[in-house]
Amino acid sequence: MTQPSDKSISPFTRRVLDVIDQIPAGRVMSYGAIGDLVGGSPRQVGHVMTTCAEETHWHRVVYADGTPASCHAGRALDLLRAEATPMRGNRVDMARAQWDGPPGHRDVEG
């Protein structure tokens, strides 16, 4: 899904977007889990999401407690529910929906 038009995209941003593109429908990752996987912080992942959200499945990235992003007029909740993501009220059920990363994820950092 990710096809940023900017050819000067950083390697870190590319790694973040590549991980997000692999999150299956109905599953999520937290900002921190993505950061751990690609060698960055949750805030750095959040910055990538701020600048490139429309280029990926942004709604599959949630806070560690399962709270969906509040941007995009609150559409994340509807998109997650449409994908049958396990929920507990208005939060993702992280015990059931958290995705641990792509196969061979130790190679994502680089």
Protein backbone atom coordinates (compact mmCIF):
# COMPACT_ATOMS: atom_id res chain seq x y z
CA MET A 1 0.00 0.00 0.00
CA THR A 2 2.81 2.39 0.81
CA GLN A 3 3.97 4.37 -2.21
CA PRO A 4 5.28 7.69 -0.86
CA SER A 5 5.82 10.16 -3.65
CA ASP A 6 8.83 11.69 -1.89
CA LYS A 7 11.94 9.88 -3.10
CA SER A 8 13.93 11.30 -0.16
CA ILE A 9 12.04 9.24 2.44
CA SER A 10 14.39 8.26 5.28
CA PRO A 11 15.39 4.65 5.88
CA PHE A 12 13.70 4.83 9.31
CA THR A 13 10.44 6.04 7.79
CA ARG A 14 10.63 3.29 5.16
CA ARG A 15 11.10 0.63 7.89
CA VAL A 16 8.13 1.95 9.87
CA LEU A 17 5.86 2.03 6.82
CA ASP A 18 6.99 -1.42 5.71
CA VAL A 19 6.05 -2.89 9.09
CA ILE A 20 2.67 -1.15 9.12
CA ASP A 21 1.93 -2.40 5.61
CA GLN A 22 2.34 -5.97 6.85
CA ILE A 23 -0.04 -5.74 9.81
CA PRO A 24 -2.92 -8.05 8.86
CA ALA A 25 -6.52 -6.84 8.89
CA GLY A 26 -8.04 -7.41 12.32
CA ARG A 27 -4.66 -7.08 14.03
CA VAL A 28 -2.76 -4.08 15.44
CA MET A 29 0.63 -2.97 16.72
CA SER A 30 1.37 -0.24 19.22
CA TYR A 31 3.59 2.71 18.45
CA GLY A 32 6.10 1.35 20.95
CA ALA A 33 6.14 -2.16 19.50
CA ILE A 34 6.84 -0.77 16.04
CA GLY A 35 9.54 1.48 17.48
CA ASP A 36 11.18 -1.49 19.22
CA LEU A 37 11.06 -3.48 16.01
CA VAL A 38 12.66 -0.83 13.80
CA GLY A 39 15.02 0.80 16.29
CA GLY A 40 13.14 3.93 17.29
CA SER A 41 10.85 5.41 19.89
CA PRO A 42 7.04 5.56 19.99
CA ARG A 43 7.28 9.31 19.33
CA GLN A 44 9.37 8.74 16.22
CA VAL A 45 6.79 6.26 14.94
CA GLY A 46 4.08 8.81 15.75
CA HIS A 47 5.93 11.42 13.72
CA VAL A 48 6.04 9.06 10.73
CA MET A 49 2.32 8.48 11.17
CA THR A 50 1.70 12.22 11.23
CA THR A 51 3.55 12.78 7.98
CA CYS A 52 2.68 9.58 6.09
CA ALA A 53 -0.56 8.25 7.57
CA GLU A 54 -2.51 8.40 4.33
CA GLU A 55 0.13 6.17 2.73
CA THR A 56 -0.55 3.17 4.96
CA HIS A 57 -3.02 1.32 7.22
CA TRP A 58 -2.66 3.99 9.91
CA HIS A 59 -5.67 2.75 11.88
CA ARG A 60 -3.83 -0.49 12.74
CA VAL A 61 -1.34 1.45 14.88
CA VAL A 62 -2.70 2.05 18.38
CA TYR A 63 -1.53 3.13 21.82
CA ALA A 64 -0.19 0.39 24.12
CA ASP A 65 -3.49 0.33 26.04
CA GLY A 66 -5.44 -0.35 22.83
CA THR A 67 -6.72 3.19 22.35
CA PRO A 68 -7.04 3.93 18.62
CA ALA A 69 -5.70 7.10 17.06
CA SER A 70 -8.05 10.05 17.52
CA CYS A 71 -7.06 11.80 14.29
CA HIS A 72 -8.93 11.51 10.99
CA ALA A 73 -12.23 12.52 12.62
CA GLY A 74 -12.23 9.40 14.78
CA ARG A 75 -12.43 7.04 11.80
CA ALA A 76 -9.95 4.53 13.30
CA LEU A 77 -12.57 2.94 15.51
CA ASP A 78 -14.92 2.36 12.58
CA LEU A 79 -12.13 0.98 10.40
CA LEU A 80 -10.95 -1.38 13.12
CA ARG A 81 -14.47 -2.65 13.75
CA ALA A 82 -15.02 -3.13 10.01
CA GLU A 83 -11.96 -5.42 9.98
CA ALA A 84 -13.38 -7.42 12.92
CA THR A 85 -10.54 -6.37 15.19
CA PRO A 86 -11.21 -7.74 18.71
CA MET A 87 -12.42 -4.85 20.84
CA ARG A 88 -13.26 -4.10 24.48
CA GLY A 89 -15.60 -1.15 24.24
CA ASN A 90 -13.79 1.59 22.34
CA ARG A 91 -10.35 0.04 22.76
CA VAL A 92 -8.62 -2.80 20.97
CA ASP A 93 -8.35 -6.00 22.99
CA MET A 94 -4.54 -6.11 22.87
CA ALA A 95 -4.36 -9.64 24.29
CA ARG A 96 -6.22 -10.92 21.22
CA ALA A 97 -5.37 -8.41 18.49
CA GLN A 98 -1.71 -7.52 19.00
CA TRP A 99 0.52 -8.62 16.12
CA ASP A 100 4.15 -9.36 16.94
CA GLY A 101 5.59 -8.35 13.60
CA PRO A 102 6.47 -9.85 10.26
CA PRO A 103 8.27 -13.18 9.93
CA GLY A 104 11.99 -12.55 10.13
CA HIS A 105 11.28 -9.26 11.89
CA ARG A 106 14.74 -9.21 13.42
CA ASP A 107 15.90 -8.24 9.93
CA VAL A 108 13.61 -5.18 9.75
CA GLU A 109 16.07 -2.97 11.59
CA GLY A 110 18.84 -1.82 9.37
